[in-house]
Amino acid sequence: MVNGKAAVVEEFVLHRIGENAADSVFSDYSAVLEGPEEQEFLRKLFLKPFATMVHTSEFIPDEMSKNVLHGLCTKVEEGEDLVLQSIAIAKQVIHAARNHSIKGGDLFVAKFNNVELGSAAYKAIGIYKFDNKEVFIESKVAGKSVGMKLKRGLGTVKPNNACLVVFTEGAYTLFTIDDHATADFWQKDLIGLRAKRDNVNSTSNLLELTKSFITQQLPQDFEIAKADQIDLLNRSVNYFKTNSEFDKGAFAQEVFQEERAIQSFNQFSDRYQSAHDVEIDDSFAISSHAVKKQARIFKSVLKLDKNFHIYIHGDRNKIEHGVDESGRKFYKIYYDQES
């Protein structure tokens, strides 16, 4: 989703966040590394962790006027001094951590240009907290001797917590990194976010909803063979792969076809959105990035005891299910070529 290959890290600031507020150290300068090798390293450190993310978030609209982090990010977008804003961000991190058991670590605040999202490029700001450092070997040649020394630093290690705020038009687009233990501290107390209502999340949510309906609800409503379930999963993914726009009515008719199944899907959709606190429009532009990632969860494997796995990718009419005279279940498969 986030493409940082052509992005530029304009400047960044490093602060030290202590486990106690008194142990924190704030820098009064920013670093600017313009060389191609340095820029490549910074892109890998700061932007690569977001490269495969699809889920997008935004600052909660009703709370933006009192959201400190949103205000600080806005000041950075407007061109105010990054060092001063980064110190305020660091203090906000410390404030948000006061009711949590959060480890100390290095806090980077970086300013970007030309971060690609979708088909457009934007300015952005990234906030990164690294709790741990990795060990690496530094070698040095002096005369005819070679020396080496173990050191600790940052290279390939991913941040423990991170937030990339892309300055998209209208509401900013957010991507976050955290773990279960620090989710409340990072997402709720520091950032204050919610899922963004855009075509990316709508695509992901609709695919997840459809999979749940086919694998969980549909077998309760109708007697349906496993092969038919897989066929419906394949049809669902194929709709998203072959269409640029989603239309709920057309989707339900193309995939489920029968009126009773369509009615069951619509009812399940309403319950799912309410239970998961998501809103999915009846029509939206399909995100190819979300389809590519979510399609992986649509498994087309028919498992028969522990003996056979049948992969069903195409024509459902070429596989038949039955029971022989002795009560043994079987599948009959038709094919044209063997390879």
Protein backbone atom coordinates (compact mmCIF):
# COMPACT_ATOMS: atom_id res chain seq x y z
CA MET A 1 0.00 0.00 0.00
CA VAL A 2 2.72 2.49 1.00
CA ASN A 3 5.37 2.84 -1.69
CA GLY A 4 8.50 4.52 -0.39
CA LYS A 5 10.88 3.68 -3.24
CA ALA A 6 10.97 7.28 -4.48
CA ALA A 7 10.42 8.92 -1.10
CA VAL A 8 12.86 11.41 0.40
CA VAL A 9 13.61 11.63 4.11
CA GLU A 10 13.98 15.39 4.40
CA GLU A 11 15.11 15.40 8.05
CA PHE A 12 14.67 13.44 11.25
CA VAL A 13 15.14 13.91 14.98
CA LEU A 14 16.16 11.40 17.63
CA HIS A 15 15.05 11.59 21.26
CA ARG A 16 15.57 9.18 24.13
CA ILE A 17 12.44 8.15 25.99
CA GLY A 18 13.20 6.94 29.51
CA GLU A 19 11.08 4.55 31.51
CA ASN A 20 10.61 7.51 33.81
CA ALA A 21 9.92 10.98 32.45
CA ALA A 22 12.96 12.36 34.27
CA ASP A 23 15.24 9.95 32.39
CA SER A 24 14.21 11.22 28.94
CA VAL A 25 16.62 13.25 26.81
CA PHE A 26 15.45 15.59 24.03
CA SER A 27 17.63 16.56 21.07
CA ASP A 28 17.78 20.18 19.95
CA TYR A 29 18.81 19.46 16.35
CA SER A 30 17.70 17.44 13.35
CA ALA A 31 19.76 15.26 11.03
CA VAL A 32 19.76 15.59 7.25
CA LEU A 33 21.33 12.76 5.23
CA GLU A 34 21.18 13.49 1.52
CA GLY A 35 23.49 10.82 0.09
CA PRO A 36 21.82 8.04 -1.96
CA GLU A 37 23.17 5.28 0.30
CA GLU A 38 21.99 7.08 3.42
CA GLN A 39 18.57 7.78 1.91
CA GLU A 40 18.18 4.13 0.92
CA PHE A 41 19.00 3.05 4.48
CA LEU A 42 16.50 5.52 5.96
CA ARG A 43 13.76 4.39 3.58
CA LYS A 44 14.29 0.79 4.65
CA LEU A 45 14.31 1.72 8.33
CA PHE A 46 11.32 4.07 8.30
CA LEU A 47 9.09 3.13 5.35
CA LYS A 48 9.66 -0.55 4.53
CA PRO A 49 7.75 -1.71 7.68
CA PHE A 50 4.59 -0.20 6.16
CA ALA A 51 5.08 -1.55 2.62
CA THR A 52 2.70 -4.52 2.94
CA MET A 53 0.07 -2.83 5.09
CA VAL A 54 -3.41 -2.45 3.69
CA HIS A 55 -5.56 -1.38 6.65
CA THR A 56 -5.84 2.40 6.88
CA SER A 57 -6.83 4.57 9.84
CA GLU A 58 -7.55 8.21 10.55
CA PHE A 59 -7.70 10.52 13.54
CA ILE A 60 -11.17 10.34 15.08
CA PRO A 61 -12.98 13.26 13.39
CA ASP A 62 -15.07 14.34 16.39
CA GLU A 63 -11.98 14.54 18.60
CA MET A 64 -9.47 16.20 16.23
CA SER A 65 -9.87 19.65 17.80
CA LYS A 66 -8.54 18.32 21.11
CA ASN A 67 -6.19 15.68 19.71
CA VAL A 68 -2.68 16.88 20.55
CA LEU A 69 -0.88 14.60 18.09
CA HIS A 70 -3.15 15.64 15.21
CA GLY A 71 -2.39 19.28 15.96
CA LEU A 72 1.36 18.67 16.02
CA CYS A 73 1.25 16.76 12.72
CA THR A 74 -0.71 19.63 11.17
CA LYS A 75 2.02 22.05 12.24
CA VAL A 76 4.64 19.86 10.56
CA GLU A 77 2.58 19.78 7.34
CA GLU A 78 2.34 23.58 7.49
CA GLY A 79 6.14 23.83 7.64
CA GLU A 80 6.82 24.62 11.29
CA ASP A 81 10.15 23.59 12.81
CA LEU A 82 10.45 19.81 13.04
CA VAL A 83 12.72 19.85 16.09
CA LEU A 84 10.26 21.80 18.21
CA GLN A 85 7.30 19.72 17.06
CA SER A 86 9.21 16.47 17.62
CA ILE A 87 10.00 17.47 21.21
CA ALA A 88 6.30 18.11 21.76
CA ILE A 89 5.52 14.71 20.18
CA ALA A 90 8.07 13.01 22.47
CA LYS A 91 6.50 14.64 25.52
CA GLN A 92 3.10 13.48 24.32
CA VAL A 93 4.46 9.92 24.04
CA ILE A 94 5.67 10.16 27.64
CA HIS A 95 2.29 11.56 28.71
CA ALA A 96 0.41 8.75 26.95
CA ALA A 97 2.66 6.13 28.58
CA ARG A 98 2.10 7.34 32.14
CA ASN A 99 -0.60 4.75 32.91
CA HIS A 100 1.15 1.89 31.09
CA SER A 101 4.24 -0.19 31.71
CA ILE A 102 6.19 0.97 28.66
CA LYS A 103 9.87 0.29 28.08
CA GLY A 104 12.22 3.15 27.37
CA GLY A 105 13.82 3.46 23.95
CA ASP A 106 14.83 5.60 21.00
CA LEU A 107 12.13 7.80 19.50
CA PHE A 108 12.56 9.02 15.92
CA VAL A 109 10.41 11.64 14.27
CA ALA A 110 10.98 11.83 10.51
CA LYS A 111 9.65 14.14 7.81
CA PHE A 112 9.10 12.73 4.32
CA ASN A 113 8.35 13.93 0.85
CA ASN A 114 7.07 11.95 -2.15
CA VAL A 115 5.53 9.04 -0.24
CA GLU A 116 3.31 7.18 -2.70
CA LEU A 117 -0.15 6.06 -1.63
CA GLY A 118 -2.38 4.68 -4.33
CA SER A 119 -1.39 6.56 -7.47
CA ALA A 120 -0.43 9.87 -5.83
CA ALA A 121 2.55 11.18 -3.84
CA TYR A 122 2.29 13.02 -0.53
CA LYS A 123 4.29 14.56 2.28
CA ALA A 124 4.24 12.61 5.54
CA ILE A 125 5.57 12.38 9.08
CA GLY A 126 6.64 9.21 10.82
CA ILE A 127 6.94 8.50 14.57
CA TYR A 128 8.97 5.45 15.60
CA LYS A 129 9.78 3.94 18.98
CA PHE A 130 12.55 1.33 19.10
CA ASP A 131 12.84 -0.51 22.42
CA ASN A 132 15.75 -2.73 21.44
CA LYS A 133 18.88 -2.59 19.30
CA GLU A 134 20.55 -5.30 17.28
CA VAL A 135 24.15 -6.46 17.49
CA PHE A 136 26.43 -5.96 14.50
CA ILE A 137 30.17 -6.29 13.80
CA GLU A 138 32.22 -3.30 12.79
CA SER A 139 35.50 -4.16 11.06
CA LYS A 140 38.49 -1.90 10.51
CA VAL A 141 41.77 -2.39 8.69
CA ALA A 142 44.88 -0.71 10.14
CA GLY A 143 48.07 -1.45 8.22
CA LYS A 144 48.27 -5.21 7.88
CA SER A 145 45.95 -6.03 10.73
CA VAL A 146 42.17 -6.38 10.73
CA GLY A 147 40.21 -5.52 13.82
CA MET A 148 36.57 -5.97 14.64
CA LYS A 149 34.27 -4.81 17.36
CA LEU A 150 30.75 -5.77 18.40
CA LYS A 151 28.37 -2.82 18.53
CA ARG A 152 24.66 -2.28 19.08
CA GLY A 153 22.46 -0.17 16.85
CA LEU A 154 19.55 -0.07 14.40
CA GLY A 155 19.61 -1.67 10.99
CA THR A 156 17.07 -4.32 10.06
CA VAL A 157 15.15 -4.37 13.34
CA LYS A 158 11.55 -3.16 13.07
CA PRO A 159 10.15 -0.51 15.42
CA ASN A 160 8.14 -1.73 18.39
CA ASN A 161 5.69 1.10 17.82
CA ALA A 162 5.28 3.32 14.80
CA CYS A 163 2.81 5.65 13.14
CA LEU A 164 3.06 6.98 9.61
CA VAL A 165 0.81 9.99 9.01
CA VAL A 166 0.36 10.63 5.30
CA PHE A 167 -0.91 14.13 4.53
CA THR A 168 -3.67 13.08 2.16
CA GLU A 169 -6.34 15.56 1.15
CA GLY A 170 -9.17 15.86 3.64
CA ALA A 171 -8.49 13.48 6.51
CA TYR A 172 -4.91 12.29 6.99
CA THR A 173 -4.27 8.60 6.31
CA LEU A 174 -2.59 6.69 9.15
CA PHE A 175 -0.72 3.40 9.30
CA THR A 176 0.31 2.00 12.68
CA ILE A 177 2.58 -0.66 14.12
CA ASP A 178 2.27 -2.00 17.67
CA ASP A 179 1.62 -5.22 19.50
CA HIS A 180 -1.22 -6.42 21.68
CA ALA A 181 0.48 -5.29 24.89
CA THR A 182 1.00 -1.69 23.71
CA ALA A 183 -2.09 -1.21 21.53
CA ASP A 184 -3.99 0.86 24.09
CA PHE A 185 -0.99 3.07 24.79
CA TRP A 186 -0.15 3.65 21.14
CA GLN A 187 -3.49 3.61 19.32
CA LYS A 188 -5.83 5.00 21.96
CA ASP A 189 -3.89 7.20 24.38
CA LEU A 190 -1.30 8.61 21.95
CA ILE A 191 -2.86 8.63 18.49
CA GLY A 192 -6.62 8.47 18.93
CA LEU A 193 -7.60 6.70 15.72
CA ARG A 194 -10.34 4.76 14.03
CA ALA A 195 -10.56 2.73 10.84
CA LYS A 196 -10.78 5.02 7.83
CA ARG A 197 -13.90 4.67 5.71
CA ASP A 198 -12.24 4.33 2.33
CA ASN A 199 -12.19 1.90 -0.57
CA VAL A 200 -9.19 0.02 0.86
CA ASN A 201 -10.92 -0.90 4.11
CA SER A 202 -14.25 -1.41 2.34
CA THR A 203 -12.59 -3.97 0.03
CA SER A 204 -10.86 -5.77 2.90
CA ASN A 205 -13.95 -5.77 5.11
CA LEU A 206 -16.25 -7.01 2.36
CA LEU A 207 -13.90 -9.89 1.54
CA GLU A 208 -13.65 -10.86 5.21
CA LEU A 209 -17.43 -10.59 5.55
CA THR A 210 -17.97 -12.79 2.50
CA LYS A 211 -15.56 -15.45 3.70
CA SER A 212 -17.27 -15.56 7.11
CA PHE A 213 -20.68 -15.86 5.47
CA ILE A 214 -19.66 -18.68 3.12
CA THR A 215 -17.70 -20.72 5.67
CA GLN A 216 -19.76 -20.09 8.82
CA GLN A 217 -23.29 -18.87 8.15
CA LEU A 218 -24.20 -20.48 4.84
CA PRO A 219 -23.72 -24.09 6.09
CA GLN A 220 -26.16 -23.30 8.91
CA ASP A 221 -28.81 -22.00 6.52
CA PHE A 222 -28.45 -24.56 3.72
CA GLU A 223 -27.08 -28.03 3.12
CA ILE A 224 -23.98 -27.25 1.08
CA ALA A 225 -21.06 -29.42 0.02
CA LYS A 226 -17.53 -28.32 0.83
CA ALA A 227 -16.71 -28.17 -2.88
CA ASP A 228 -19.62 -25.75 -3.39
CA GLN A 229 -18.32 -23.56 -0.57
CA ILE A 230 -14.93 -23.42 -2.26
CA ASP A 231 -16.61 -22.60 -5.56
CA LEU A 232 -18.38 -19.65 -3.90
CA LEU A 233 -15.10 -18.45 -2.39
CA ASN A 234 -13.45 -18.63 -5.81
CA ARG A 235 -16.35 -16.76 -7.42
CA SER A 236 -16.13 -14.04 -4.76
CA VAL A 237 -12.43 -13.43 -5.28
CA ASN A 238 -12.85 -13.56 -9.05
CA TYR A 239 -15.48 -10.79 -8.87
CA PHE A 240 -13.02 -8.52 -7.06
CA LYS A 241 -10.20 -9.39 -9.42
CA THR A 242 -12.18 -8.73 -12.60
CA ASN A 243 -14.12 -5.61 -11.58
CA SER A 244 -12.89 -2.13 -10.72
CA GLU A 245 -16.12 -1.10 -8.99
CA PHE A 246 -18.04 -3.04 -6.34
CA ASP A 247 -21.83 -3.15 -6.54
CA LYS A 248 -23.51 -5.12 -3.76
CA GLY A 249 -26.50 -6.19 -5.81
CA ALA A 250 -24.45 -7.30 -8.80
CA PHE A 251 -21.95 -9.07 -6.54
CA ALA A 252 -24.61 -11.03 -4.66
CA GLN A 253 -26.37 -12.03 -7.90
CA GLU A 254 -23.15 -13.12 -9.63
CA VAL A 255 -21.76 -15.08 -6.68
CA PHE A 256 -24.81 -16.53 -4.86
CA GLN A 257 -27.39 -16.45 -7.69
CA GLU A 258 -30.29 -17.99 -5.73
CA GLU A 259 -32.67 -15.52 -4.04
CA ARG A 260 -32.68 -17.31 -0.67
CA ALA A 261 -28.88 -17.26 -0.51
CA ILE A 262 -28.80 -13.58 -1.53
CA GLN A 263 -31.30 -12.70 1.18
CA SER A 264 -29.27 -14.63 3.75
CA PHE A 265 -26.10 -12.80 2.64
CA ASN A 266 -27.74 -9.38 2.99
CA GLN A 267 -29.01 -10.19 6.47
CA PHE A 268 -25.62 -11.53 7.51
CA SER A 269 -23.95 -8.40 6.11
CA ASP A 270 -26.06 -6.18 8.37
CA ARG A 271 -25.29 -8.28 11.45
CA TYR A 272 -21.58 -8.47 10.62
CA GLN A 273 -21.18 -4.71 10.23
CA SER A 274 -22.98 -4.09 13.51
CA ALA A 275 -20.99 -6.73 15.42
CA HIS A 276 -17.62 -5.56 14.04
CA ASP A 277 -18.42 -1.83 14.16
CA VAL A 278 -17.66 -1.26 10.48
CA GLU A 279 -19.58 0.51 7.74
CA ILE A 280 -19.36 -0.79 4.19
CA ASP A 281 -20.94 1.14 1.34
CA ASP A 282 -23.09 -0.70 -1.20
CA SER A 283 -20.75 0.53 -3.93
CA PHE A 284 -17.10 1.59 -3.94
CA ALA A 285 -13.92 1.48 -6.04
CA ILE A 286 -12.19 -1.86 -5.50
CA SER A 287 -8.64 -1.68 -4.11
CA SER A 288 -6.40 -4.10 -6.01
CA HIS A 289 -3.85 -3.97 -3.17
CA ALA A 290 -6.47 -5.10 -0.64
CA VAL A 291 -7.68 -7.84 -2.98
CA LYS A 292 -4.17 -9.18 -3.46
CA LYS A 293 -3.58 -9.41 0.27
CA GLN A 294 -7.01 -10.64 1.35
CA ALA A 295 -7.26 -13.25 -1.41
CA ARG A 296 -4.68 -15.29 0.49
CA ILE A 297 -7.23 -16.15 3.17
CA PHE A 298 -9.62 -17.62 0.60
CA LYS A 299 -8.39 -21.19 0.64
CA SER A 300 -9.47 -23.39 -2.25
CA VAL A 301 -8.29 -26.67 -0.74
CA LEU A 302 -10.66 -29.59 -0.21
CA LYS A 303 -9.16 -31.82 2.51
CA LEU A 304 -10.29 -35.47 2.47
CA ASP A 305 -9.38 -37.26 5.70
CA LYS A 306 -5.58 -37.31 5.90
CA ASN A 307 -5.11 -38.87 2.50
CA PHE A 308 -5.87 -36.26 -0.15
CA HIS A 309 -5.90 -32.52 -0.80
CA ILE A 310 -7.85 -31.34 -3.85
CA TYR A 311 -7.20 -27.80 -5.08
CA ILE A 312 -10.28 -26.35 -6.77
CA HIS A 313 -9.51 -23.27 -8.84
CA GLY A 314 -11.92 -23.42 -11.76
CA ASP A 315 -14.99 -25.11 -13.16
CA ARG A 316 -17.10 -26.58 -10.34
CA ASN A 317 -18.98 -28.73 -12.87
CA LYS A 318 -15.89 -30.88 -13.37
CA ILE A 319 -16.07 -32.36 -9.87
CA GLU A 320 -18.88 -34.58 -8.58
CA HIS A 321 -19.64 -35.74 -5.06
CA GLY A 322 -21.36 -39.00 -4.19
CA VAL A 323 -21.66 -42.06 -1.95
CA ASP A 324 -21.14 -45.63 -3.20
CA GLU A 325 -23.21 -48.72 -2.33
CA SER A 326 -21.10 -49.48 0.76
CA GLY A 327 -21.51 -45.96 2.14
CA ARG A 328 -18.09 -44.65 1.19
CA LYS A 329 -17.99 -41.01 0.13
CA PHE A 330 -16.21 -40.10 -3.09
CA TYR A 331 -15.40 -37.25 -5.49
CA LYS A 332 -15.25 -37.82 -9.24
CA ILE A 333 -13.02 -35.40 -11.17
CA TYR A 334 -13.15 -34.74 -14.94
CA TYR A 335 -10.21 -33.28 -16.81
CA ASP A 336 -8.85 -32.79 -20.35
CA GLN A 337 -5.08 -32.77 -19.87
CA GLU A 338 -2.63 -34.21 -17.38
CA SER A 339 0.66 -32.53 -16.55
